[in-house]
Amino acid sequence: MQIKIITLPLTPTEEQTEELSRFLRGHRVIDLKRELATIDGNMVWTFCILFSN
C-alpha cells in the first residue's frame, strides 16, 4: 500500500483536475480522504490517497 498527497487550489484549472483524475484512473484506490484547508492564507483541497499498483 502506498500514499499520495495531492493539493489543489479551491478552484483548480482543467489541467490540475485532469492530473488528479489521471492518477485515480491509473491506480487501484483503496481509500481517499479530502479536506478543505488553508495554506498561506489560500483555500486548498488536499487529497490523501491510499493506493496499490
Foldseek 3Di string as FASTA:
>chain_A
DDKDKDKAFPDHDPVSVVVVVVVPVVWAWPDKDWDFDADPNGTIIMIITDTDD
